[in-house]
Amino acid sequence: MYEREKTLLLTHSCAAGANSLAVRRTADATWLAWPHQNQISLVKLADETVESRAVSGRSEEDGQTVLQVRWCELKNWTYLVAACSNSVDFYNQHASMLLFSFPYTQEGARCFTRGLAAFLGKACVGTSDGSLLVFQSDSGAEGELHLGQRVRMHASAICALAADERHLVSADETGNIVQWAGKGSEVARLRQIDHYGAPCTALTLTELYVVAAYGSGHLRLFNRESGQIRAEATAHARWITGLTHKFTEREANARLVGAGFLRSDGATFGLAAYDQKQLFCYAM
């Protein structure tokens, strides 16, 4: 199956949160991004060359922390979206320019945004109060974005989002999962999958299933059309912080916080670990 291929040295380590590594593959390169304090670290892999740089957040004085980053496509434009402790920030695809920033605050409470996914040409972002923020572009011009919808279906902070062309799924700190679908021009709740007593830390979608990872170490597969559970695996002893498939290996002395395939055929993937300036690469 897979074997350790190499380790890439990075300029900055990765944040401690789950789902911290973002991967974008283009025709000529593979791009990686992850949060580091109030910065976004970027790596470009092209052939045998590695280019890295860091992008500072909006301001070092406002106490902002970047929690997650993801690339999202809206109206033929690709954005690098950052979910932060007090805002949602949209950069151009290589993060050379901040194009749009949406401030997020909760009166009298610690607030943050967490969970990112592109769905039906919109960027969906989770929040600490359980709301889903849906950003869109009506004009199609780069950077002309606005909040098109805000809906709250979670009673606790959202941990993760995942989406494909059919559905969006969101999960929260109590383990509840909400499945969403497009309804007219909006995103509407389709069904809820009840919790199992632990936070749901990561999500992905396959053709038939919603695959959910939990802080208890469980993996559960739910039928996409009914929400009923179809399988459960208990191979992990601690929190699951990212999803991959078809392979098991142990990285000694590493708290893994993100995973992503580096090639579209799944032949290589990378792992990011908290407080380590390395990317662990595996290949078939």
C-alpha atoms as a PDB file:
ATOM      1  CA  MET A   1       0.000   0.000   0.000  1.00  0.00           C
ATOM      2  CA  TYR A   2       1.579   3.301   1.073  1.00  0.00           C
ATOM      3  CA  GLU A   3       5.121   3.811   2.363  1.00  0.00           C
ATOM      4  CA  ARG A   4       6.831   6.866   3.835  1.00  0.00           C
ATOM      5  CA  GLU A   5       8.367   8.670   0.865  1.00  0.00           C
ATOM      6  CA  LYS A   6       9.935  11.829   2.268  1.00  0.00           C
ATOM      7  CA  THR A   7       9.553  14.624   4.785  1.00  0.00           C
ATOM      8  CA  LEU A   8       9.279  18.246   3.672  1.00  0.00           C
ATOM      9  CA  LEU A   9      10.749  20.887   5.963  1.00  0.00           C
ATOM     10  CA  LEU A  10       8.355  23.794   6.515  1.00  0.00           C
ATOM     11  CA  THR A  11       8.874  27.387   7.588  1.00  0.00           C
ATOM     12  CA  HIS A  12       6.038  27.267  10.142  1.00  0.00           C
ATOM     13  CA  SER A  13       4.360  24.520  12.112  1.00  0.00           C
ATOM     14  CA  CYS A  14       0.651  23.723  11.877  1.00  0.00           C
ATOM     15  CA  ALA A  15      -2.062  24.818  14.308  1.00  0.00           C
ATOM     16  CA  ALA A  16      -3.430  22.335  16.830  1.00  0.00           C
ATOM     17  CA  GLY A  17      -7.011  22.210  15.533  1.00  0.00           C
ATOM     18  CA  ALA A  18      -8.554  19.421  13.491  1.00  0.00           C
ATOM     19  CA  ASN A  19      -8.786  19.671   9.675  1.00  0.00           C
ATOM     20  CA  SER A  20      -5.886  22.104   9.566  1.00  0.00           C
ATOM     21  CA  LEU A  21      -4.354  21.113   6.216  1.00  0.00           C
ATOM     22  CA  ALA A  22      -5.831  22.339   2.912  1.00  0.00           C
ATOM     23  CA  VAL A  23      -4.751  20.946  -0.458  1.00  0.00           C
ATOM     24  CA  ARG A  24      -5.407  22.324  -3.943  1.00  0.00           C
ATOM     25  CA  ARG A  25      -4.189  20.571  -7.081  1.00  0.00           C
ATOM     26  CA  THR A  26      -3.720  22.481 -10.347  1.00  0.00           C
ATOM     27  CA  ALA A  27      -2.378  21.418 -13.725  1.00  0.00           C
ATOM     28  CA  ASP A  28       1.190  22.388 -12.891  1.00  0.00           C
ATOM     29  CA  ALA A  29       1.470  22.233  -9.099  1.00  0.00           C
ATOM     30  CA  THR A  30       0.031  21.127  -5.765  1.00  0.00           C
ATOM     31  CA  TRP A  31      -0.649  23.851  -3.215  1.00  0.00           C
ATOM     32  CA  LEU A  32      -0.795  23.317   0.548  1.00  0.00           C
ATOM     33  CA  ALA A  33      -2.052  25.759   3.170  1.00  0.00           C
ATOM     34  CA  TRP A  34      -2.448  25.626   6.932  1.00  0.00           C
ATOM     35  CA  PRO A  35      -2.962  28.078   9.816  1.00  0.00           C
ATOM     36  CA  HIS A  36      -0.167  29.188  12.134  1.00  0.00           C
ATOM     37  CA  GLN A  37      -1.223  31.627  14.858  1.00  0.00           C
ATOM     38  CA  ASN A  38      -2.363  34.748  12.961  1.00  0.00           C
ATOM     39  CA  GLN A  39      -0.702  33.639   9.713  1.00  0.00           C
ATOM     40  CA  ILE A  40      -1.408  31.365   6.772  1.00  0.00           C
ATOM     41  CA  SER A  41       1.468  29.191   5.619  1.00  0.00           C
ATOM     42  CA  LEU A  42       1.588  28.264   1.932  1.00  0.00           C
ATOM     43  CA  VAL A  43       3.662  25.661   0.088  1.00  0.00           C
ATOM     44  CA  LYS A  44       3.805  25.118  -3.676  1.00  0.00           C
ATOM     45  CA  LEU A  45       5.013  21.702  -4.865  1.00  0.00           C
ATOM     46  CA  ALA A  46       5.973  21.596  -8.545  1.00  0.00           C
ATOM     47  CA  ASP A  47       8.060  18.730  -9.907  1.00  0.00           C
ATOM     48  CA  GLU A  48      11.005  18.565  -7.494  1.00  0.00           C
ATOM     49  CA  THR A  49      10.825  22.181  -6.314  1.00  0.00           C
ATOM     50  CA  VAL A  50       9.288  23.402  -3.063  1.00  0.00           C
ATOM     51  CA  GLU A  51       8.343  27.045  -2.544  1.00  0.00           C
ATOM     52  CA  SER A  52       7.003  28.287   0.784  1.00  0.00           C
ATOM     53  CA  ARG A  53       5.886  31.577   2.276  1.00  0.00           C
ATOM     54  CA  ALA A  54       3.693  32.949   5.052  1.00  0.00           C
ATOM     55  CA  VAL A  55       0.825  35.422   4.788  1.00  0.00           C
ATOM     56  CA  SER A  56       0.095  37.602   7.806  1.00  0.00           C
ATOM     57  CA  GLY A  57      -3.471  38.058   8.976  1.00  0.00           C
ATOM     58  CA  ARG A  58      -5.327  41.341   8.719  1.00  0.00           C
ATOM     59  CA  SER A  59      -3.709  42.807  11.828  1.00  0.00           C
ATOM     60  CA  GLU A  60      -1.322  41.549  14.477  1.00  0.00           C
ATOM     61  CA  GLU A  61      -2.829  43.997  16.967  1.00  0.00           C
ATOM     62  CA  ASP A  62      -6.432  42.764  17.019  1.00  0.00           C
ATOM     63  CA  GLY A  63      -5.600  39.351  18.512  1.00  0.00           C
ATOM     64  CA  GLN A  64      -6.827  37.469  15.472  1.00  0.00           C
ATOM     65  CA  THR A  65      -6.060  33.748  15.197  1.00  0.00           C
ATOM     66  CA  VAL A  66      -6.472  31.786  11.969  1.00  0.00           C
ATOM     67  CA  LEU A  67      -8.215  28.494  12.763  1.00  0.00           C
ATOM     68  CA  GLN A  68      -8.766  26.842   9.367  1.00  0.00           C
ATOM     69  CA  VAL A  69      -8.177  27.560   5.675  1.00  0.00           C
ATOM     70  CA  ARG A  70      -9.731  26.113   2.517  1.00  0.00           C
ATOM     71  CA  TRP A  71      -9.809  26.893  -1.197  1.00  0.00           C
ATOM     72  CA  CYS A  72     -13.325  27.570  -2.473  1.00  0.00           C
ATOM     73  CA  GLU A  73     -14.555  28.277  -6.000  1.00  0.00           C
ATOM     74  CA  LEU A  74     -17.249  30.938  -6.423  1.00  0.00           C
ATOM     75  CA  LYS A  75     -18.433  32.246  -9.786  1.00  0.00           C
ATOM     76  CA  ASN A  76     -15.334  31.003 -11.642  1.00  0.00           C
ATOM     77  CA  TRP A  77     -12.976  32.582  -9.096  1.00  0.00           C
ATOM     78  CA  THR A  78     -10.897  30.566  -6.649  1.00  0.00           C
ATOM     79  CA  TYR A  79     -10.473  32.018  -3.149  1.00  0.00           C
ATOM     80  CA  LEU A  80      -8.368  30.948  -0.216  1.00  0.00           C
ATOM     81  CA  VAL A  81     -10.816  31.352   2.663  1.00  0.00           C
ATOM     82  CA  ALA A  82      -9.623  31.705   6.265  1.00  0.00           C
ATOM     83  CA  ALA A  83     -11.886  30.980   9.220  1.00  0.00           C
ATOM     84  CA  CYS A  84     -10.575  33.150  12.050  1.00  0.00           C
ATOM     85  CA  SER A  85     -11.287  33.962  15.669  1.00  0.00           C
ATOM     86  CA  ASN A  86     -13.080  37.175  14.790  1.00  0.00           C
ATOM     87  CA  SER A  87     -13.702  37.157  11.047  1.00  0.00           C
ATOM     88  CA  VAL A  88     -13.949  35.270   7.771  1.00  0.00           C
ATOM     89  CA  ASP A  89     -11.293  36.422   5.301  1.00  0.00           C
ATOM     90  CA  PHE A  90     -11.250  35.838   1.530  1.00  0.00           C
ATOM     91  CA  TYR A  91      -7.898  36.008  -0.280  1.00  0.00           C
ATOM     92  CA  ASN A  92      -7.186  35.479  -3.952  1.00  0.00           C
ATOM     93  CA  GLN A  93      -6.128  31.919  -4.792  1.00  0.00           C
ATOM     94  CA  HIS A  94      -2.425  32.446  -4.016  1.00  0.00           C
ATOM     95  CA  ALA A  95      -3.151  34.618  -0.956  1.00  0.00           C
ATOM     96  CA  SER A  96      -1.264  37.574  -2.368  1.00  0.00           C
ATOM     97  CA  MET A  97      -4.200  39.925  -1.698  1.00  0.00           C
ATOM     98  CA  LEU A  98      -7.009  40.139   0.851  1.00  0.00           C
ATOM     99  CA  LEU A  99     -10.182  40.759  -1.166  1.00  0.00           C
ATOM    100  CA  PHE A 100     -13.012  40.606   1.377  1.00  0.00           C
ATOM    101  CA  SER A 101     -13.322  40.344   5.151  1.00  0.00           C
ATOM    102  CA  PHE A 102     -16.472  39.703   7.163  1.00  0.00           C
ATOM    103  CA  PRO A 103     -16.215  40.538  10.896  1.00  0.00           C
ATOM    104  CA  TYR A 104     -17.799  38.040  13.273  1.00  0.00           C
ATOM    105  CA  THR A 105     -18.548  38.823  16.916  1.00  0.00           C
ATOM    106  CA  GLN A 106     -20.818  37.517  19.676  1.00  0.00           C
ATOM    107  CA  GLU A 107     -21.683  39.908  22.469  1.00  0.00           C
ATOM    108  CA  GLY A 108     -20.453  38.657  25.819  1.00  0.00           C
ATOM    109  CA  ALA A 109     -19.061  35.391  24.454  1.00  0.00           C
ATOM    110  CA  ARG A 110     -15.879  34.005  22.959  1.00  0.00           C
ATOM    111  CA  CYS A 111     -16.459  33.831  19.224  1.00  0.00           C
ATOM    112  CA  PHE A 112     -14.796  32.184  16.269  1.00  0.00           C
ATOM    113  CA  THR A 113     -15.519  30.759  12.856  1.00  0.00           C
ATOM    114  CA  ARG A 114     -14.629  27.142  12.068  1.00  0.00           C
ATOM    115  CA  GLY A 115     -15.549  24.722   9.300  1.00  0.00           C
ATOM    116  CA  LEU A 116     -15.256  25.625   5.613  1.00  0.00           C
ATOM    117  CA  ALA A 117     -16.751  24.175   2.425  1.00  0.00           C
ATOM    118  CA  ALA A 118     -17.781  25.268  -1.055  1.00  0.00           C
ATOM    119  CA  PHE A 119     -21.359  24.292  -1.948  1.00  0.00           C
ATOM    120  CA  LEU A 120     -23.394  25.218  -5.034  1.00  0.00           C
ATOM    121  CA  GLY A 121     -21.001  28.029  -5.928  1.00  0.00           C
ATOM    122  CA  LYS A 122     -21.101  29.514  -2.427  1.00  0.00           C
ATOM    123  CA  ALA A 123     -18.685  29.503   0.503  1.00  0.00           C
ATOM    124  CA  CYS A 124     -20.144  28.054   3.704  1.00  0.00           C
ATOM    125  CA  VAL A 125     -18.574  28.783   7.086  1.00  0.00           C
ATOM    126  CA  GLY A 126     -19.476  27.488  10.548  1.00  0.00           C
ATOM    127  CA  THR A 127     -19.489  29.602  13.714  1.00  0.00           C
ATOM    128  CA  SER A 128     -19.095  29.228  17.461  1.00  0.00           C
ATOM    129  CA  ASP A 129     -22.810  29.831  18.084  1.00  0.00           C
ATOM    130  CA  GLY A 130     -23.837  27.021  15.720  1.00  0.00           C
ATOM    131  CA  SER A 131     -24.747  29.228  12.771  1.00  0.00           C
ATOM    132  CA  LEU A 132     -23.952  28.574   9.133  1.00  0.00           C
ATOM    133  CA  LEU A 133     -22.765  31.629   7.194  1.00  0.00           C
ATOM    134  CA  VAL A 134     -23.253  31.444   3.415  1.00  0.00           C
ATOM    135  CA  PHE A 135     -21.241  33.843   1.258  1.00  0.00           C
ATOM    136  CA  GLN A 136     -21.894  34.418  -2.418  1.00  0.00           C
ATOM    137  CA  SER A 137     -21.079  36.610  -5.375  1.00  0.00           C
ATOM    138  CA  ASP A 138     -23.949  37.980  -7.452  1.00  0.00           C
ATOM    139  CA  SER A 139     -21.928  40.011  -9.928  1.00  0.00           C
ATOM    140  CA  GLY A 140     -19.244  37.429 -10.642  1.00  0.00           C
ATOM    141  CA  ALA A 141     -16.482  40.018 -10.280  1.00  0.00           C
ATOM    142  CA  GLU A 142     -13.512  38.887  -8.196  1.00  0.00           C
ATOM    143  CA  GLY A 143     -13.773  40.032  -4.601  1.00  0.00           C
ATOM    144  CA  GLU A 144     -17.384  41.265  -4.825  1.00  0.00           C
ATOM    145  CA  LEU A 145     -18.770  39.013  -2.101  1.00  0.00           C
ATOM    146  CA  HIS A 146     -21.472  39.350   0.510  1.00  0.00           C
ATOM    147  CA  LEU A 147     -23.237  37.356   3.212  1.00  0.00           C
ATOM    148  CA  GLY A 148     -26.258  35.896   1.453  1.00  0.00           C
ATOM    149  CA  GLN A 149     -27.661  33.737   4.240  1.00  0.00           C
ATOM    150  CA  ARG A 150     -27.250  33.030   7.930  1.00  0.00           C
ATOM    151  CA  VAL A 151     -29.085  30.088   9.482  1.00  0.00           C
ATOM    152  CA  ARG A 152     -28.692  28.397  12.870  1.00  0.00           C
ATOM    153  CA  MET A 153     -29.469  24.675  13.174  1.00  0.00           C
ATOM    154  CA  HIS A 154     -26.785  23.683  15.716  1.00  0.00           C
ATOM    155  CA  ALA A 155     -27.004  24.323  19.450  1.00  0.00           C
ATOM    156  CA  SER A 156     -23.221  24.277  19.920  1.00  0.00           C
ATOM    157  CA  ALA A 157     -20.130  25.370  18.006  1.00  0.00           C
ATOM    158  CA  ILE A 158     -19.652  23.922  14.527  1.00  0.00           C
ATOM    159  CA  CYS A 159     -16.500  21.801  14.175  1.00  0.00           C
ATOM    160  CA  ALA A 160     -16.460  20.712  10.529  1.00  0.00           C
ATOM    161  CA  LEU A 161     -18.136  21.070   7.133  1.00  0.00           C
ATOM    162  CA  ALA A 162     -17.958  18.963   3.968  1.00  0.00           C
ATOM    163  CA  ALA A 163     -19.780  19.229   0.644  1.00  0.00           C
ATOM    164  CA  ASP A 164     -20.129  17.909  -2.875  1.00  0.00           C
ATOM    165  CA  GLU A 165     -22.519  18.784  -5.685  1.00  0.00           C
ATOM    166  CA  ARG A 166     -25.502  17.166  -3.908  1.00  0.00           C
ATOM    167  CA  HIS A 167     -25.235  17.915  -0.212  1.00  0.00           C
ATOM    168  CA  LEU A 168     -23.539  19.942   2.488  1.00  0.00           C
ATOM    169  CA  VAL A 169     -23.004  18.428   5.930  1.00  0.00           C
ATOM    170  CA  SER A 170     -22.082  20.234   9.146  1.00  0.00           C
ATOM    171  CA  ALA A 171     -21.134  18.835  12.556  1.00  0.00           C
ATOM    172  CA  ASP A 172     -20.823  20.363  16.022  1.00  0.00           C
ATOM    173  CA  GLU A 173     -19.140  19.909  19.382  1.00  0.00           C
ATOM    174  CA  THR A 174     -21.972  17.765  20.781  1.00  0.00           C
ATOM    175  CA  GLY A 175     -21.763  15.373  17.818  1.00  0.00           C
ATOM    176  CA  ASN A 176     -24.905  16.406  15.952  1.00  0.00           C
ATOM    177  CA  ILE A 177     -24.716  16.354  12.135  1.00  0.00           C
ATOM    178  CA  VAL A 178     -27.000  18.397   9.881  1.00  0.00           C
ATOM    179  CA  GLN A 179     -27.412  17.523   6.218  1.00  0.00           C
ATOM    180  CA  TRP A 180     -28.220  20.403   3.852  1.00  0.00           C
ATOM    181  CA  ALA A 181     -29.416  20.697   0.261  1.00  0.00           C
ATOM    182  CA  GLY A 182     -30.052  23.510  -2.161  1.00  0.00           C
ATOM    183  CA  LYS A 183     -33.595  24.930  -2.159  1.00  0.00           C
ATOM    184  CA  GLY A 184     -34.056  27.679  -4.690  1.00  0.00           C
ATOM    185  CA  SER A 185     -31.291  30.195  -4.110  1.00  0.00           C
ATOM    186  CA  GLU A 186     -30.731  29.152  -0.490  1.00  0.00           C
ATOM    187  CA  VAL A 187     -29.212  26.322   1.539  1.00  0.00           C
ATOM    188  CA  ALA A 188     -31.897  24.438   3.477  1.00  0.00           C
ATOM    189  CA  ARG A 189     -31.832  21.808   6.216  1.00  0.00           C
ATOM    190  CA  LEU A 190     -32.590  18.339   4.872  1.00  0.00           C
ATOM    191  CA  ARG A 191     -32.242  16.180   7.983  1.00  0.00           C
ATOM    192  CA  GLN A 192     -30.374  15.825  11.258  1.00  0.00           C
ATOM    193  CA  ILE A 193     -28.244  12.876  12.365  1.00  0.00           C
ATOM    194  CA  ASP A 194     -28.318  12.593  16.151  1.00  0.00           C
ATOM    195  CA  HIS A 195     -25.212  12.684  18.290  1.00  0.00           C
ATOM    196  CA  TYR A 196     -23.324   9.768  19.847  1.00  0.00           C
ATOM    197  CA  GLY A 197     -22.006  11.508  22.944  1.00  0.00           C
ATOM    198  CA  ALA A 198     -18.758  12.947  21.513  1.00  0.00           C
ATOM    199  CA  PRO A 199     -17.786  15.892  19.288  1.00  0.00           C
ATOM    200  CA  CYS A 200     -17.800  15.211  15.550  1.00  0.00           C
ATOM    201  CA  THR A 201     -14.383  16.420  14.430  1.00  0.00           C
ATOM    202  CA  ALA A 202     -14.220  15.632  10.701  1.00  0.00           C
ATOM    203  CA  LEU A 203     -16.571  14.863   7.802  1.00  0.00           C
ATOM    204  CA  THR A 204     -16.371  13.650   4.244  1.00  0.00           C
ATOM    205  CA  LEU A 205     -18.908  12.510   1.643  1.00  0.00           C
ATOM    206  CA  THR A 206     -18.861   9.493  -0.629  1.00  0.00           C
ATOM    207  CA  GLU A 207     -21.437   8.538  -3.242  1.00  0.00           C
ATOM    208  CA  LEU A 208     -23.549   6.622  -0.709  1.00  0.00           C
ATOM    209  CA  TYR A 209     -22.415   7.748   2.729  1.00  0.00           C
ATOM    210  CA  VAL A 210     -21.738  10.578   5.120  1.00  0.00           C
ATOM    211  CA  VAL A 211     -18.497   9.570   6.846  1.00  0.00           C
ATOM    212  CA  ALA A 212     -18.015  11.124  10.279  1.00  0.00           C
ATOM    213  CA  ALA A 213     -15.064  11.045  12.689  1.00  0.00           C
ATOM    214  CA  TYR A 214     -15.490  11.645  16.415  1.00  0.00           C
ATOM    215  CA  GLY A 215     -13.500  12.743  19.425  1.00  0.00           C
ATOM    216  CA  SER A 216     -14.132   9.310  20.892  1.00  0.00           C
ATOM    217  CA  GLY A 217     -12.037   7.741  18.116  1.00  0.00           C
ATOM    218  CA  HIS A 218     -15.073   6.333  16.279  1.00  0.00           C
ATOM    219  CA  LEU A 219     -15.713   6.408  12.543  1.00  0.00           C
ATOM    220  CA  ARG A 220     -19.354   6.125  11.490  1.00  0.00           C
ATOM    221  CA  LEU A 221     -20.969   5.778   8.066  1.00  0.00           C
ATOM    222  CA  PHE A 222     -24.493   7.119   7.568  1.00  0.00           C
ATOM    223  CA  ASN A 223     -26.726   6.570   4.565  1.00  0.00           C
ATOM    224  CA  ARG A 224     -27.001   9.834   2.626  1.00  0.00           C
ATOM    225  CA  GLU A 225     -30.639   9.287   1.695  1.00  0.00           C
ATOM    226  CA  SER A 226     -31.969   8.365   5.156  1.00  0.00           C
ATOM    227  CA  GLY A 227     -29.388   9.432   7.723  1.00  0.00           C
ATOM    228  CA  GLN A 228     -29.394   5.925   9.223  1.00  0.00           C
ATOM    229  CA  ILE A 229     -26.134   4.482  10.479  1.00  0.00           C
ATOM    230  CA  ARG A 230     -24.692   1.714   8.294  1.00  0.00           C
ATOM    231  CA  ALA A 231     -21.288   0.962   9.843  1.00  0.00           C
ATOM    232  CA  GLU A 232     -19.109   1.858  12.812  1.00  0.00           C
ATOM    233  CA  ALA A 233     -15.359   1.425  13.329  1.00  0.00           C
ATOM    234  CA  THR A 234     -13.457   1.851  16.589  1.00  0.00           C
ATOM    235  CA  ALA A 235      -9.842   1.558  15.440  1.00  0.00           C
ATOM    236  CA  HIS A 236      -8.652   4.830  17.067  1.00  0.00           C
ATOM    237  CA  ALA A 237      -8.047   5.253  20.789  1.00  0.00           C
ATOM    238  CA  ARG A 238      -8.147   9.054  20.748  1.00  0.00           C
ATOM    239  CA  TRP A 239      -9.536  11.999  18.780  1.00  0.00           C
ATOM    240  CA  ILE A 240      -9.709  11.699  15.005  1.00  0.00           C
ATOM    241  CA  THR A 241      -8.510  14.960  13.455  1.00  0.00           C
ATOM    242  CA  GLY A 242      -8.682  14.247   9.702  1.00  0.00           C
ATOM    243  CA  LEU A 243      -9.981  11.659   7.212  1.00  0.00           C
ATOM    244  CA  THR A 244      -8.113   9.638   4.703  1.00  0.00           C
ATOM    245  CA  HIS A 245      -8.847   6.083   3.488  1.00  0.00           C
ATOM    246  CA  LYS A 246      -7.484   2.583   2.684  1.00  0.00           C
ATOM    247  CA  PHE A 247      -4.349   2.703   4.813  1.00  0.00           C
ATOM    248  CA  THR A 248      -3.141   2.704   8.423  1.00  0.00           C
ATOM    249  CA  GLU A 249       0.230   3.808   9.755  1.00  0.00           C
ATOM    250  CA  ARG A 250       1.561   5.383  12.943  1.00  0.00           C
ATOM    251  CA  GLU A 251       3.688   8.521  13.095  1.00  0.00           C
ATOM    252  CA  ALA A 252       5.657   8.391  16.336  1.00  0.00           C
ATOM    253  CA  ASN A 253       5.732  11.501  18.546  1.00  0.00           C
ATOM    254  CA  ALA A 254       3.379  13.448  16.290  1.00  0.00           C
ATOM    255  CA  ARG A 255      -0.040  14.952  16.971  1.00  0.00           C
ATOM    256  CA  LEU A 256      -1.564  14.782  13.496  1.00  0.00           C
ATOM    257  CA  VAL A 257      -3.936  17.638  12.692  1.00  0.00           C
ATOM    258  CA  GLY A 258      -4.540  17.432   8.941  1.00  0.00           C
ATOM    259  CA  ALA A 259      -4.302  15.153   5.922  1.00  0.00           C
ATOM    260  CA  GLY A 260      -4.728  15.584   2.192  1.00  0.00           C
ATOM    261  CA  PHE A 261      -4.007  13.801  -1.073  1.00  0.00           C
ATOM    262  CA  LEU A 262      -1.239  15.479  -3.081  1.00  0.00           C
ATOM    263  CA  ARG A 263      -2.208  13.882  -6.406  1.00  0.00           C
ATOM    264  CA  SER A 264      -5.637  13.453  -7.950  1.00  0.00           C
ATOM    265  CA  ASP A 265      -5.115   9.689  -8.361  1.00  0.00           C
ATOM    266  CA  GLY A 266      -4.540   9.236  -4.624  1.00  0.00           C
ATOM    267  CA  ALA A 267      -0.991   7.928  -5.116  1.00  0.00           C
ATOM    268  CA  THR A 268       0.538  10.342  -2.584  1.00  0.00           C
ATOM    269  CA  PHE A 269      -0.736  12.095   0.512  1.00  0.00           C
ATOM    270  CA  GLY A 270       0.664  14.405   3.160  1.00  0.00           C
ATOM    271  CA  LEU A 271       0.193  14.677   6.916  1.00  0.00           C
ATOM    272  CA  ALA A 272       0.609  17.798   9.039  1.00  0.00           C
ATOM    273  CA  ALA A 273       1.452  17.611  12.734  1.00  0.00           C
ATOM    274  CA  TYR A 274       1.005  20.188  15.470  1.00  0.00           C
ATOM    275  CA  ASP A 275       4.114  22.153  16.427  1.00  0.00           C
ATOM    276  CA  GLN A 276       6.293  20.402  13.860  1.00  0.00           C
ATOM    277  CA  LYS A 277       7.771  22.164  10.850  1.00  0.00           C
ATOM    278  CA  GLN A 278       7.438  19.061   8.689  1.00  0.00           C
ATOM    279  CA  LEU A 279       5.018  17.556   6.208  1.00  0.00           C
ATOM    280  CA  PHE A 280       5.084  13.755   6.245  1.00  0.00           C
ATOM    281  CA  CYS A 281       4.630  12.414   2.704  1.00  0.00           C
ATOM    282  CA  TYR A 282       3.520   8.900   1.767  1.00  0.00           C
ATOM    283  CA  ALA A 283       3.401   7.324  -1.660  1.00  0.00           C
ATOM    284  CA  MET A 284       2.298   4.065  -3.232  1.00  0.00           C
END
